[in-house]
């Protein structure tokens, strides 16, 4: 407008200046309004493009599978249960139609999109099947026809056992109870009931094996976390105890916010103040905070002995004390103006009172003498010297054993662990935990470090873990890999002995290799057979066959085939999560060995 010399023109002035007619001007105004609307648009995200529907053959294939496998899908309008075979079938079906959007596929096969995503990434953990009571079924010849019905229906069933029992009662007129049906299937080898794992042997066999000398020859120290609730707020403190190994008396205690070297020092000082003497030796576990320079300086002439790894019996005196003290604090509620300080001081006073009660309680295993009475026994000078020599010799043997073990270890393993300790911020001032971890094979150490780092990135590491947690992971992986090798060696031994099972499985594998062509078909079939069996040796046989099928294919296809096999493993929820992860690690170790 400024170019035409019009500051605030009216409609007539604009028309006169531009030489345009009134009708033409209104026509241009309408066109401009339409263009501005298209350019600016409405606020918010643009509408998503419509999802193309899935092809009809997707739903038809799923329907055909459901018809051929009764029970593979069961449930109600709120929640469905899908069998492992159906889950694997859907994963393979989506793999054959990669261009179909997940939402469209979910709508076509009537499976929620979130469930399909979980299946594809293998993120679902255990599905714990219901256990039946361990009662033998009552079988009679008159019910032979119903028994045959049970066995015939089970052969084609692909759902849960509970749904199968409902199917027999509703559709087949078989009125057996679940226990009877389970017994029938187990008696004919069609289904094995899941049983609880057995308990460890009685710890009574290990009692009385700790060497003791006289009062104050050896104290045992340890810590545990105790919760205290104050005005509805939960506070957690560390209780550190020192116990005399000879008498079992609680000689020192300290309550602190965390379990650290200062807690060890304060407990030791409390014990000296209570008894008026220091011990010949103090046994502590291998936590780095228990063996700092400050702790060694505080000990003075007292020998500081680390507990033997993986043997909690070394600290039985403290563990027993914690077992007696912890029930006393369950449900403890306090109130006050300063909750944290009040909780700490009250807990400290309560621990002192309880320890005094236990110290004066007569003990049947010590002829009716209390812990306080036993603390009054006075050793001779010779006994003190002999105890010191024995304890120093024990420490010397431990140090020599660690030095010998470190000298024999693979320097590459130690270097990898040393770098991992620095990278992960793991504290090991004296290198004891590194030496204990480096005695395991390189493969187990690499897998252990990878698992620790993965848990750290995922945020699933337990709070307060240190290098001992990595040691436990490596130990478990090494034990598992040893089990693999034992299973493989057992298999080879059975083949060499012409074992009928080994021969039949080998013949089965050869038959499948002649019928199925291509590593993809062989790998998927072998994986299904590995996960279907409950026999450990058969599972490792089929997992080895899967690894061979993947390795025999082109190098470019090995990673996709491994991922395909991994997805099928994690889609089989009938196998516990721990066993699925073990099968996945075994497969990775066989497909891509490090040595």
Protein backbone atom coordinates (compact mmCIF):
# COMPACT_ATOMS: atom_id res chain seq x y z
CA UNK A 1 0.00 0.00 0.00
CA UNK A 2 2.87 2.34 0.72
CA UNK A 3 4.09 1.85 -2.89
CA UNK A 4 0.69 3.08 -4.14
CA UNK A 5 0.68 6.03 -1.70
CA UNK A 6 -2.30 4.74 0.32
CA UNK A 7 -1.85 4.85 4.12
CA UNK A 8 -5.25 3.51 5.27
CA UNK A 9 -7.29 3.11 2.10
CA UNK A 10 -10.92 2.17 1.76
CA UNK A 11 -12.39 -0.38 -0.66
CA UNK A 12 -13.14 2.25 -3.31
CA UNK A 13 -9.63 3.71 -3.19
CA UNK A 14 -8.07 0.22 -3.53
CA UNK A 15 -10.21 -0.60 -6.55
CA UNK A 16 -9.40 2.74 -8.17
CA UNK A 17 -5.65 2.39 -7.51
CA UNK A 18 -5.44 -1.19 -8.81
CA UNK A 19 -7.80 -0.72 -11.73
CA UNK A 20 -9.80 -3.79 -10.76
CA UNK A 21 -13.52 -4.26 -10.98
CA UNK A 22 -15.65 -5.02 -7.92
CA UNK A 23 -16.74 -8.51 -9.09
CA UNK A 24 -13.16 -9.51 -9.91
CA UNK A 25 -12.00 -8.31 -6.47
CA UNK A 26 -14.55 -10.45 -4.61
CA UNK A 27 -13.58 -13.47 -6.72
CA UNK A 28 -9.91 -12.99 -5.76
CA UNK A 29 -10.81 -12.62 -2.06
CA UNK A 30 -12.58 -15.99 -2.04
CA UNK A 31 -9.62 -17.66 -3.76
CA UNK A 32 -7.15 -16.15 -1.24
CA UNK A 33 -9.20 -17.42 1.70
CA UNK A 34 -9.02 -20.96 0.33
CA UNK A 35 -5.27 -20.73 -0.24
CA UNK A 36 -4.57 -19.35 3.25
CA UNK A 37 -6.54 -22.21 4.85
CA UNK A 38 -4.47 -24.78 2.96
CA UNK A 39 -1.20 -23.06 3.88
CA UNK A 40 -1.81 -22.59 7.62
CA UNK A 41 -3.82 -25.69 8.50
CA UNK A 42 -5.36 -26.63 11.83
CA UNK A 43 -3.27 -26.77 15.06
CA UNK A 44 -1.79 -30.08 16.28
CA UNK A 45 -0.21 -33.06 14.54
CA UNK A 46 -1.21 -33.80 10.97
CA UNK A 47 -3.56 -36.75 10.65
CA UNK A 48 -1.82 -40.10 10.27
CA UNK A 49 -2.18 -41.74 6.89
CA UNK A 50 -4.77 -44.52 6.87
CA UNK A 51 -3.40 -47.97 7.61
CA UNK A 52 -3.80 -50.35 4.74
CA UNK A 53 -5.76 -53.45 5.79
CA UNK A 54 -3.91 -56.74 6.05
CA UNK A 55 -4.34 -59.21 3.20
CA UNK A 56 -7.13 -61.73 3.63
CA UNK A 57 -4.72 -64.70 3.59
CA UNK A 58 -3.31 -63.53 6.96
CA UNK A 59 -6.60 -64.11 8.79
CA UNK A 60 -7.27 -67.28 6.76
CA UNK A 61 -3.91 -68.78 7.78
CA UNK A 62 -4.58 -68.05 11.46
CA UNK A 63 -8.08 -69.53 11.25
CA UNK A 64 -6.74 -72.70 9.59
CA UNK A 65 -4.16 -73.06 12.37
CA UNK A 66 -6.79 -72.63 15.11
CA UNK A 67 -9.01 -75.26 13.46
CA UNK A 68 -6.09 -77.70 13.28
CA UNK A 69 -4.93 -77.07 16.88
CA UNK A 70 -7.88 -77.02 19.30
CA UNK A 71 -7.13 -75.20 22.52
CA UNK A 72 -4.28 -73.11 21.12
CA UNK A 73 -6.32 -69.98 21.95
CA UNK A 74 -8.58 -69.90 25.00
CA UNK A 75 -9.98 -67.32 27.39
CA UNK A 76 -12.76 -64.76 27.48
CA UNK A 77 -13.61 -61.24 26.33
CA UNK A 78 -11.20 -59.68 28.84
CA UNK A 79 -8.13 -61.89 28.46
CA UNK A 80 -6.94 -64.68 26.17
CA UNK A 81 -4.31 -67.38 26.62
CA UNK A 82 -2.23 -68.31 23.60
CA UNK A 83 -0.32 -71.57 23.23
CA UNK A 84 3.38 -71.63 22.44
CA UNK A 85 2.75 -73.20 19.03
CA UNK A 86 0.25 -70.48 18.11
CA UNK A 87 2.67 -67.81 19.26
CA UNK A 88 5.50 -69.22 17.14
CA UNK A 89 3.14 -69.60 14.17
CA UNK A 90 2.11 -65.93 14.36
CA UNK A 91 5.76 -64.79 14.61
CA UNK A 92 6.64 -66.80 11.49
CA UNK A 93 3.53 -65.51 9.70
CA UNK A 94 4.41 -61.87 10.38
CA UNK A 95 7.98 -62.59 9.24
CA UNK A 96 6.61 -63.76 5.89
CA UNK A 97 4.59 -60.51 5.56
CA UNK A 98 7.04 -57.78 6.65
CA UNK A 99 5.17 -55.07 4.71
CA UNK A 100 1.95 -55.44 6.73
CA UNK A 101 1.66 -52.86 9.53
CA UNK A 102 1.51 -54.32 13.02
CA UNK A 103 -1.84 -52.60 13.78
CA UNK A 104 -3.39 -54.02 10.62
CA UNK A 105 -2.05 -57.51 11.38
CA UNK A 106 -3.38 -57.30 14.94
CA UNK A 107 -6.82 -56.30 13.68
CA UNK A 108 -6.86 -59.13 11.13
CA UNK A 109 -5.87 -61.96 13.51
CA UNK A 110 -7.62 -60.49 16.60
CA UNK A 111 -4.50 -60.28 18.78
CA UNK A 112 -3.86 -56.98 20.64
CA UNK A 113 -1.03 -54.89 19.11
CA UNK A 114 0.80 -54.68 22.46
CA UNK A 115 0.76 -58.48 22.73
CA UNK A 116 2.22 -58.82 19.23
CA UNK A 117 5.00 -56.37 20.14
CA UNK A 118 5.84 -58.44 23.24
CA UNK A 119 6.01 -61.60 21.15
CA UNK A 120 8.34 -60.05 18.60
CA UNK A 121 10.81 -58.75 21.18
CA UNK A 122 10.57 -61.79 23.50
CA UNK A 123 9.90 -59.58 26.53
CA UNK A 124 7.46 -61.80 28.45
CA UNK A 125 8.86 -63.75 31.38
CA UNK A 126 7.65 -66.99 32.94
CA UNK A 127 4.10 -68.21 32.75
CA UNK A 128 3.84 -70.46 35.77
CA UNK A 129 1.43 -73.32 35.05
CA UNK A 130 -0.81 -74.44 37.86
CA UNK A 131 0.43 -77.47 39.76
CA UNK A 132 -1.83 -80.35 40.61
CA UNK A 133 -1.83 -82.07 44.01
CA UNK A 134 0.50 -85.03 44.09
CA UNK A 135 -2.21 -87.70 44.48
CA UNK A 136 -2.38 -90.92 42.45
CA UNK A 137 -5.52 -91.18 40.31
CA UNK A 138 -8.09 -93.84 40.94
CA UNK A 139 -8.33 -95.83 37.74
CA UNK A 140 -10.70 -98.72 37.07
CA UNK A 141 -11.18 -100.98 34.04
CA UNK A 142 -14.78 -99.77 33.64
CA UNK A 143 -13.52 -96.33 32.68
CA UNK A 144 -11.15 -97.54 29.97
CA UNK A 145 -13.11 -95.79 27.22
CA UNK A 146 -12.93 -92.45 28.99
CA UNK A 147 -9.20 -92.94 29.53
CA UNK A 148 -8.74 -93.55 25.81
CA UNK A 149 -10.74 -90.36 25.17
CA UNK A 150 -8.40 -88.40 27.44
CA UNK A 151 -5.31 -89.71 25.62
CA UNK A 152 -6.79 -89.17 22.16
CA UNK A 153 -7.87 -85.60 22.90
CA UNK A 154 -4.49 -84.73 24.44
CA UNK A 155 -2.65 -85.73 21.26
CA UNK A 156 -4.35 -82.89 19.36
CA UNK A 157 -4.53 -80.40 22.21
CA UNK A 158 -2.37 -77.27 22.03
CA UNK A 159 -3.62 -75.22 24.99
CA UNK A 160 -3.21 -75.15 28.78
CA UNK A 161 -3.85 -78.15 30.99
CA UNK A 162 -6.63 -76.35 32.89
CA UNK A 163 -8.44 -75.51 29.65
CA UNK A 164 -8.00 -79.14 28.56
CA UNK A 165 -9.73 -80.40 31.72
CA UNK A 166 -12.59 -77.96 31.10
CA UNK A 167 -12.78 -79.16 27.48
CA UNK A 168 -13.10 -82.81 28.59
CA UNK A 169 -15.94 -82.03 30.99
CA UNK A 170 -17.79 -79.62 28.67
CA UNK A 171 -17.33 -81.19 25.24
CA UNK A 172 -16.45 -84.87 25.81
CA UNK A 173 -18.50 -85.83 28.86
CA UNK A 174 -15.40 -87.01 30.75
CA UNK A 175 -15.98 -86.10 34.40
CA UNK A 176 -12.53 -86.94 35.77
CA UNK A 177 -10.99 -84.50 38.24
CA UNK A 178 -7.82 -82.66 37.29
CA UNK A 179 -5.68 -84.91 39.51
CA UNK A 180 -6.99 -88.04 37.77
CA UNK A 181 -6.48 -86.55 34.30
CA UNK A 182 -2.94 -85.52 35.20
CA UNK A 183 -2.21 -89.01 36.53
CA UNK A 184 -3.56 -90.67 33.37
CA UNK A 185 -1.40 -88.53 31.12
CA UNK A 186 1.69 -89.06 33.27
CA UNK A 187 1.14 -92.83 33.52
CA UNK A 188 1.11 -93.04 29.70
CA UNK A 189 4.10 -90.70 29.29
CA UNK A 190 2.04 -88.02 27.54
CA UNK A 191 2.59 -85.25 30.12
CA UNK A 192 4.88 -84.91 33.13
CA UNK A 193 3.72 -82.96 36.15
CA UNK A 194 5.91 -80.11 37.30
CA UNK A 195 7.33 -80.73 40.76
CA UNK A 196 8.88 -78.31 43.19
CA UNK A 197 12.69 -78.36 43.42
CA UNK A 198 14.12 -80.25 46.39
CA UNK A 199 15.62 -78.61 49.42
CA UNK A 200 19.30 -78.47 50.29
CA UNK A 201 20.71 -80.96 52.82
CA UNK A 202 20.24 -80.20 56.50
CA UNK A 203 22.79 -77.72 57.79
CA UNK A 204 23.12 -79.80 60.96
CA UNK A 205 25.76 -81.82 59.11
CA UNK A 206 28.02 -78.76 59.07
CA UNK A 207 27.69 -77.79 62.74
CA UNK A 208 30.60 -78.10 65.08
CA UNK A 209 33.21 -77.87 62.32
CA UNK A 210 34.54 -74.39 63.23
CA UNK A 211 37.86 -74.47 65.09
CA UNK A 212 37.77 -72.51 68.36
CA UNK A 213 40.47 -71.97 70.98
CA UNK A 214 39.41 -69.90 74.04
CA UNK A 215 37.52 -66.67 74.77
CA UNK A 216 38.62 -63.71 72.68
CA UNK A 217 40.91 -65.83 70.51
CA UNK A 218 38.72 -65.11 67.49
CA UNK A 219 35.83 -62.73 66.95
CA UNK A 220 33.51 -62.92 63.96
CA UNK A 221 32.05 -59.72 62.47
CA UNK A 222 29.26 -59.16 59.98
CA UNK A 223 26.49 -56.69 59.13
CA UNK A 224 22.85 -56.81 58.06
CA UNK A 225 20.18 -54.25 57.18
CA UNK A 226 17.25 -53.75 59.60
CA UNK A 227 14.08 -51.70 58.89
CA UNK A 228 12.40 -49.45 61.47
CA UNK A 229 9.12 -47.63 60.90
CA UNK A 230 8.69 -44.20 62.51
CA UNK A 231 5.44 -42.24 62.12
CA UNK A 232 4.58 -44.27 59.02
CA UNK A 233 7.99 -43.63 57.41
CA UNK A 234 10.38 -46.53 56.85
CA UNK A 235 14.03 -46.15 57.90
CA UNK A 236 16.69 -48.76 57.17
CA UNK A 237 19.92 -49.05 59.20
CA UNK A 238 22.91 -51.36 59.19
CA UNK A 239 23.44 -53.52 62.28
CA UNK A 240 27.08 -54.59 62.69
CA UNK A 241 27.86 -57.37 65.19
CA UNK A 242 31.05 -58.84 66.62
CA UNK A 243 30.61 -62.30 68.15
CA UNK A 244 33.13 -64.34 70.13
CA UNK A 245 33.61 -67.65 68.29
CA UNK A 246 34.43 -69.65 71.44
CA UNK A 247 31.47 -68.62 73.59
CA UNK A 248 29.04 -67.34 70.98
CA UNK A 249 28.66 -64.14 73.02
CA UNK A 250 27.77 -60.85 71.34
CA UNK A 251 30.69 -58.65 72.33
CA UNK A 252 30.15 -55.56 70.16
CA UNK A 253 27.39 -53.90 68.14
CA UNK A 254 26.89 -50.73 66.13
CA UNK A 255 23.94 -49.22 64.28
CA UNK A 256 24.86 -47.03 61.31
CA UNK A 257 23.19 -45.72 58.12
CA UNK A 258 25.27 -47.94 55.81
CA UNK A 259 27.61 -50.92 56.02
CA UNK A 260 31.06 -49.41 55.59
CA UNK A 261 34.54 -49.44 57.12
CA UNK A 262 33.52 -46.96 59.83
CA UNK A 263 30.80 -49.35 61.01
CA UNK A 264 33.43 -52.12 61.30
CA UNK A 265 35.72 -49.82 63.31
CA UNK A 266 32.94 -48.59 65.64
CA UNK A 267 31.78 -52.15 66.33
CA UNK A 268 35.33 -53.25 67.10
CA UNK A 269 35.79 -50.32 69.50
CA UNK A 270 32.46 -51.12 71.18
CA UNK A 271 33.53 -54.73 71.68
CA UNK A 272 36.85 -53.71 73.22
CA UNK A 273 35.07 -51.26 75.53
CA UNK A 274 32.61 -53.98 76.61
CA UNK A 275 35.16 -56.78 77.16
CA UNK A 276 38.25 -54.82 78.11
CA UNK A 277 40.41 -56.77 75.69
CA UNK A 278 41.07 -57.23 71.99
CA UNK A 279 40.95 -60.58 70.18
CA UNK A 280 43.83 -62.46 68.64
CA UNK A 281 41.99 -62.45 65.29
CA UNK A 282 38.87 -60.95 63.70
CA UNK A 283 37.08 -62.77 60.86
CA UNK A 284 35.27 -60.55 58.32
CA UNK A 285 33.79 -61.33 54.94
CA UNK A 286 35.40 -60.21 51.67
CA UNK A 287 33.52 -56.95 51.18
CA UNK A 288 35.99 -54.25 50.11
CA UNK A 289 34.77 -51.96 52.93
CA UNK A 290 35.90 -54.53 55.50
CA UNK A 291 39.54 -54.51 54.37
CA UNK A 292 40.42 -50.85 53.90
CA UNK A 293 43.59 -49.32 55.24
CA UNK A 294 41.63 -47.62 58.03
CA UNK A 295 40.30 -50.97 59.25
CA UNK A 296 43.78 -52.54 59.20
CA UNK A 297 45.19 -49.61 61.18
CA UNK A 298 42.42 -49.92 63.79
CA UNK A 299 43.08 -53.63 64.30
CA UNK A 300 46.55 -53.10 65.76
CA UNK A 301 47.94 -56.51 66.76
CA UNK A 302 44.68 -58.27 65.92
CA UNK A 303 44.95 -60.52 62.88
CA UNK A 304 42.33 -59.63 60.25
CA UNK A 305 41.26 -62.83 58.47
CA UNK A 306 38.94 -62.77 55.42
CA UNK A 307 36.18 -65.37 55.39
CA UNK A 308 36.41 -68.23 52.92
CA UNK A 309 34.39 -67.28 49.82
CA UNK A 310 31.02 -69.00 49.27
CA UNK A 311 30.97 -70.53 52.78
CA UNK A 312 28.51 -68.62 55.00
CA UNK A 313 29.24 -71.22 57.70
CA UNK A 314 32.41 -69.22 58.48
CA UNK A 315 30.17 -66.53 59.99
CA UNK A 316 27.64 -68.85 61.58
CA UNK A 317 27.90 -67.00 64.90
CA UNK A 318 26.79 -63.69 63.37
CA UNK A 319 24.26 -65.27 61.06
CA UNK A 320 22.70 -67.06 64.03
CA UNK A 321 22.60 -63.80 65.96
CA UNK A 322 20.89 -62.02 63.09
CA UNK A 323 18.38 -64.86 62.89
CA UNK A 324 17.53 -64.35 66.55
CA UNK A 325 17.47 -60.55 66.41
CA UNK A 326 15.58 -59.88 63.20
CA UNK A 327 12.22 -61.35 64.33
CA UNK A 328 12.38 -58.99 67.32
CA UNK A 329 12.27 -55.97 65.00
CA UNK A 330 9.45 -57.13 62.72
CA UNK A 331 6.51 -54.72 62.91
CA UNK A 332 8.41 -52.30 65.17
CA UNK A 333 6.82 -48.84 65.07
CA UNK A 334 8.20 -45.72 66.78
CA UNK A 335 7.11 -42.11 67.03
CA UNK A 336 8.88 -38.90 67.94
CA UNK A 337 9.78 -35.38 66.93
CA UNK A 338 13.05 -36.35 65.17
CA UNK A 339 12.27 -39.66 63.42
CA UNK A 340 15.69 -40.54 62.02
CA UNK A 341 17.72 -39.92 65.16
CA UNK A 342 15.07 -41.41 67.43
CA UNK A 343 14.85 -44.58 65.33
CA UNK A 344 18.62 -45.00 65.32
CA UNK A 345 19.11 -44.42 69.04
CA UNK A 346 16.16 -46.60 70.04
CA UNK A 347 17.32 -49.43 67.77
CA UNK A 348 20.83 -49.20 69.20
CA UNK A 349 19.51 -49.42 72.78
CA UNK A 350 17.25 -52.32 71.86
CA UNK A 351 20.12 -54.25 70.25
CA UNK A 352 22.22 -53.75 73.39
CA UNK A 353 19.42 -55.01 75.61
CA UNK A 354 18.71 -58.06 73.47
CA UNK A 355 22.40 -58.97 73.26
CA UNK A 356 22.68 -58.81 77.04
CA UNK A 357 19.69 -61.13 77.38
CA UNK A 358 21.23 -63.66 75.01
CA UNK A 359 24.62 -63.41 76.68
CA UNK A 360 23.10 -64.45 80.03
CA UNK A 361 20.87 -67.21 78.69
CA UNK A 362 22.08 -70.74 79.68
CA UNK A 363 23.09 -72.94 76.77
CA UNK A 364 22.32 -76.65 76.70
CA UNK A 365 25.23 -77.39 74.37
CA UNK A 366 27.66 -75.81 76.86
CA UNK A 367 26.57 -77.62 80.02
CA UNK A 368 24.15 -74.91 81.11
CA UNK A 369 26.77 -72.17 81.00
CA UNK A 370 25.80 -68.84 79.45
CA UNK A 371 27.82 -66.89 76.93
CA UNK A 372 28.85 -64.45 79.64
CA UNK A 373 30.13 -67.34 81.79
CA UNK A 374 32.13 -68.72 78.88
CA UNK A 375 33.71 -65.32 78.33
CA UNK A 376 35.15 -65.57 81.83
CA UNK A 377 37.43 -68.50 80.94
CA UNK A 378 41.06 -67.36 81.17
CA UNK A 379 43.53 -68.83 78.67
CA UNK A 380 47.14 -69.49 79.52
CA UNK A 381 50.03 -67.78 77.78
CA UNK A 382 50.83 -70.98 75.90
CA UNK A 383 47.26 -71.24 74.65
CA UNK A 384 47.37 -67.65 73.43
CA UNK A 385 50.66 -68.24 71.59
CA UNK A 386 49.43 -71.48 70.03
CA UNK A 387 46.21 -69.78 68.88
CA UNK A 388 48.13 -66.87 67.38
CA UNK A 389 50.45 -69.25 65.53
CA UNK A 390 47.51 -71.29 64.19
CA UNK A 391 45.62 -68.19 63.05
CA UNK A 392 48.71 -66.64 61.46
CA UNK A 393 49.37 -69.92 59.67
CA UNK A 394 45.78 -69.95 58.40
CA UNK A 395 46.20 -66.41 57.04
CA UNK A 396 49.55 -67.32 55.47
CA UNK A 397 48.02 -70.33 53.68
CA UNK A 398 45.18 -68.19 52.36
CA UNK A 399 47.57 -65.54 51.05
CA UNK A 400 49.83 -68.16 49.50
CA UNK A 401 46.87 -69.87 47.85
CA UNK A 402 45.69 -66.56 46.39
CA UNK A 403 49.18 -65.73 45.12
CA UNK A 404 49.56 -69.18 43.54
CA UNK A 405 46.13 -68.91 41.96
CA UNK A 406 46.91 -65.45 40.55
CA UNK A 407 50.23 -66.66 39.11
CA UNK A 408 48.55 -69.54 37.31
CA UNK A 409 45.74 -67.49 35.84
CA UNK A 410 45.44 -66.35 32.26
CA UNK A 411 46.90 -62.80 32.04
CA UNK A 412 44.39 -61.91 29.32
CA UNK A 413 41.48 -62.78 31.62
CA UNK A 414 42.97 -60.70 34.43
CA UNK A 415 43.53 -57.76 32.08
CA UNK A 416 39.92 -57.94 30.81
CA UNK A 417 38.60 -58.09 34.37
CA UNK A 418 40.85 -55.25 35.50
CA UNK A 419 39.55 -53.04 32.69
CA UNK A 420 35.96 -54.04 33.50
CA UNK A 421 36.45 -53.21 37.20
CA UNK A 422 37.67 -49.72 36.27
CA UNK A 423 34.92 -49.20 33.71
CA UNK A 424 32.15 -50.36 36.03
CA UNK A 425 33.55 -48.61 39.12
CA UNK A 426 33.97 -51.84 41.12
CA UNK A 427 36.13 -51.57 44.23
CA UNK A 428 38.62 -54.34 45.03
CA UNK A 429 41.51 -52.79 46.98
CA UNK A 430 43.47 -56.02 47.54
CA UNK A 431 42.54 -57.80 44.29
CA UNK A 432 41.00 -60.80 46.07
CA UNK A 433 37.73 -60.68 44.14
CA UNK A 434 39.52 -60.20 40.81
CA UNK A 435 41.68 -63.26 41.54
CA UNK A 436 38.62 -65.29 42.51
CA UNK A 437 36.84 -64.27 39.30
CA UNK A 438 39.82 -64.73 36.97
CA UNK A 439 40.03 -68.45 37.74
CA UNK A 440 37.04 -69.03 35.45
CA UNK A 441 37.35 -69.49 31.65
CA UNK A 442 37.47 -66.53 29.31
CA UNK A 443 34.03 -67.25 27.78
CA UNK A 444 32.35 -67.26 31.21
CA UNK A 445 34.12 -64.03 32.21
CA UNK A 446 33.08 -62.26 29.00
CA UNK A 447 29.47 -63.38 29.36
CA UNK A 448 29.45 -62.39 33.04
CA UNK A 449 30.74 -58.89 32.26
CA UNK A 450 28.18 -58.52 29.46
CA UNK A 451 25.33 -59.59 31.76
CA UNK A 452 26.48 -57.20 34.51
CA UNK A 453 26.73 -54.28 32.06
CA UNK A 454 23.35 -55.12 30.51
CA UNK A 455 21.71 -55.21 33.95
CA UNK A 456 23.39 -51.91 34.80
CA UNK A 457 22.07 -50.25 31.63
CA UNK A 458 18.60 -51.72 32.18
CA UNK A 459 18.56 -50.56 35.80
CA UNK A 460 17.92 -54.08 37.15
CA UNK A 461 21.02 -54.45 39.31
CA UNK A 462 20.12 -54.94 42.99
CA UNK A 463 20.96 -51.90 45.14
CA UNK A 464 24.38 -51.82 46.77
CA UNK A 465 25.99 -54.57 44.67
CA UNK A 466 29.76 -54.70 44.26
CA UNK A 467 32.36 -56.90 42.59
CA UNK A 468 31.03 -59.96 44.43
CA UNK A 469 27.86 -59.76 42.34
CA UNK A 470 29.92 -59.96 39.14
CA UNK A 471 31.79 -62.92 40.64
CA UNK A 472 28.47 -64.68 41.29
CA UNK A 473 27.32 -64.10 37.70
CA UNK A 474 30.57 -65.47 36.28
CA UNK A 475 30.42 -68.49 38.59
CA UNK A 476 26.84 -69.29 37.53
CA UNK A 477 27.68 -68.92 33.84
CA UNK A 478 30.74 -71.16 34.23
CA UNK A 479 28.68 -73.80 36.04
CA UNK A 480 26.07 -73.64 33.31
CA UNK A 481 28.66 -73.97 30.54
CA UNK A 482 30.19 -76.90 32.41
CA UNK A 483 26.74 -78.48 32.41
CA UNK A 484 26.55 -78.00 28.66
CA UNK A 485 29.85 -79.77 28.14
CA UNK A 486 28.82 -82.58 30.48
CA UNK A 487 25.61 -83.05 28.50
CA UNK A 488 27.51 -83.07 25.20
CA UNK A 489 30.11 -85.50 26.56
CA UNK A 490 27.34 -87.71 27.92
CA UNK A 491 25.70 -87.64 24.53
CA UNK A 492 28.91 -88.63 22.76
CA UNK A 493 29.45 -91.41 25.30
CA UNK A 494 25.95 -92.75 24.71
CA UNK A 495 26.44 -92.64 20.95
CA UNK A 496 29.72 -94.48 21.34
CA UNK A 497 27.94 -97.09 23.44
CA UNK A 498 25.28 -97.41 20.71
CA UNK A 499 22.59 -96.07 23.03
CA UNK A 500 19.12 -96.56 21.55
CA UNK A 501 17.93 -93.04 22.46
CA UNK A 502 20.98 -91.45 20.87
CA UNK A 503 20.54 -93.48 17.70
CA UNK A 504 16.83 -92.68 17.45
CA UNK A 505 17.43 -88.94 17.86
CA UNK A 506 20.23 -89.01 15.29
CA UNK A 507 17.96 -90.87 12.86
CA UNK A 508 15.23 -88.30 13.50
CA UNK A 509 17.64 -85.48 12.73
CA UNK A 510 18.81 -87.19 9.52
CA UNK A 511 15.19 -87.70 8.41
CA UNK A 512 14.37 -84.02 8.95
CA UNK A 513 17.52 -82.98 7.09
CA UNK A 514 16.34 -85.05 4.12
CA UNK A 515 12.80 -83.62 4.12
CA UNK A 516 13.40 -79.98 5.08
CA UNK A 517 15.55 -77.89 2.79
CA UNK A 518 17.28 -74.68 3.77
CA UNK A 519 18.82 -73.63 7.09
CA UNK A 520 15.77 -71.56 8.07
CA UNK A 521 13.36 -74.52 8.01
CA UNK A 522 15.85 -76.80 9.76
CA UNK A 523 16.66 -74.26 12.48
CA UNK A 524 13.01 -73.54 13.32
CA UNK A 525 12.15 -77.24 13.42
CA UNK A 526 15.14 -78.11 15.61
CA UNK A 527 14.38 -75.22 18.01
CA UNK A 528 10.80 -76.43 18.44
CA UNK A 529 12.01 -79.94 19.23
CA UNK A 530 14.56 -78.58 21.73
CA UNK A 531 11.93 -76.61 23.62
CA UNK A 532 9.31 -79.34 23.53
CA UNK A 533 11.34 -81.87 25.49
CA UNK A 534 11.90 -81.84 29.24
CA UNK A 535 15.06 -83.95 28.94
CA UNK A 536 18.22 -81.89 29.37
CA UNK A 537 20.34 -84.07 27.12
CA UNK A 538 17.73 -84.06 24.32
CA UNK A 539 17.40 -80.28 24.56
CA UNK A 540 21.12 -79.77 24.11
CA UNK A 541 21.13 -82.25 21.22
CA UNK A 542 18.52 -80.25 19.32
CA UNK A 543 20.12 -76.93 20.26
CA UNK A 544 23.42 -78.25 18.86
CA UNK A 545 21.58 -79.31 15.72
CA UNK A 546 20.14 -75.79 15.45
CA UNK A 547 23.61 -74.26 15.79
CA UNK A 548 24.93 -76.59 13.07
CA UNK A 549 22.06 -75.63 10.74
CA UNK A 550 22.79 -71.92 11.27
CA UNK A 551 26.53 -72.36 10.85
CA UNK A 552 26.09 -74.38 7.63
CA UNK A 553 24.17 -71.52 5.97
CA UNK A 554 25.70 -68.48 4.26
CA UNK A 555 27.67 -66.18 6.56
CA UNK A 556 25.38 -63.23 5.76
CA UNK A 557 22.35 -65.21 6.95
CA UNK A 558 23.74 -66.36 10.30
CA UNK A 559 22.73 -63.30 12.30
CA UNK A 560 19.12 -63.23 10.96
CA UNK A 561 18.82 -66.99 11.55
CA UNK A 562 20.14 -66.64 15.08
CA UNK A 563 17.64 -63.85 15.79
CA UNK A 564 14.85 -66.00 14.36
CA UNK A 565 15.83 -68.89 16.62
CA UNK A 566 16.11 -66.54 19.59
CA UNK A 567 12.61 -65.19 19.02
CA UNK A 568 11.18 -68.71 18.89
CA UNK A 569 12.97 -69.56 22.13
CA UNK A 570 11.51 -66.57 23.97
CA UNK A 571 8.06 -67.17 22.47
CA UNK A 572 7.86 -70.56 24.22
CA UNK A 573 6.44 -69.51 27.59
CA UNK A 574 5.96 -73.10 28.76
CA UNK A 575 9.75 -73.20 29.24
CA UNK A 576 10.86 -71.20 32.32
CA UNK A 577 12.57 -67.88 31.63
CA UNK A 578 15.84 -69.08 33.17
CA UNK A 579 15.93 -72.10 30.83
CA UNK A 580 15.09 -69.92 27.82
CA UNK A 581 17.99 -67.58 28.59
CA UNK A 582 20.30 -70.58 29.07
CA UNK A 583 19.22 -72.04 25.72
CA UNK A 584 19.85 -68.68 24.06
CA UNK A 585 23.35 -68.42 25.55
CA UNK A 586 24.16 -72.00 24.55
CA UNK A 587 23.08 -71.29 20.99
CA UNK A 588 25.15 -68.09 20.83
CA UNK A 589 28.21 -69.88 22.19
CA UNK A 590 27.92 -72.63 19.57
CA UNK A 591 27.17 -70.32 16.62
CA UNK A 592 29.87 -67.74 17.46
CA UNK A 593 32.55 -69.33 19.70
CA UNK A 594 35.32 -67.10 21.08
CA UNK A 595 37.99 -69.77 20.77
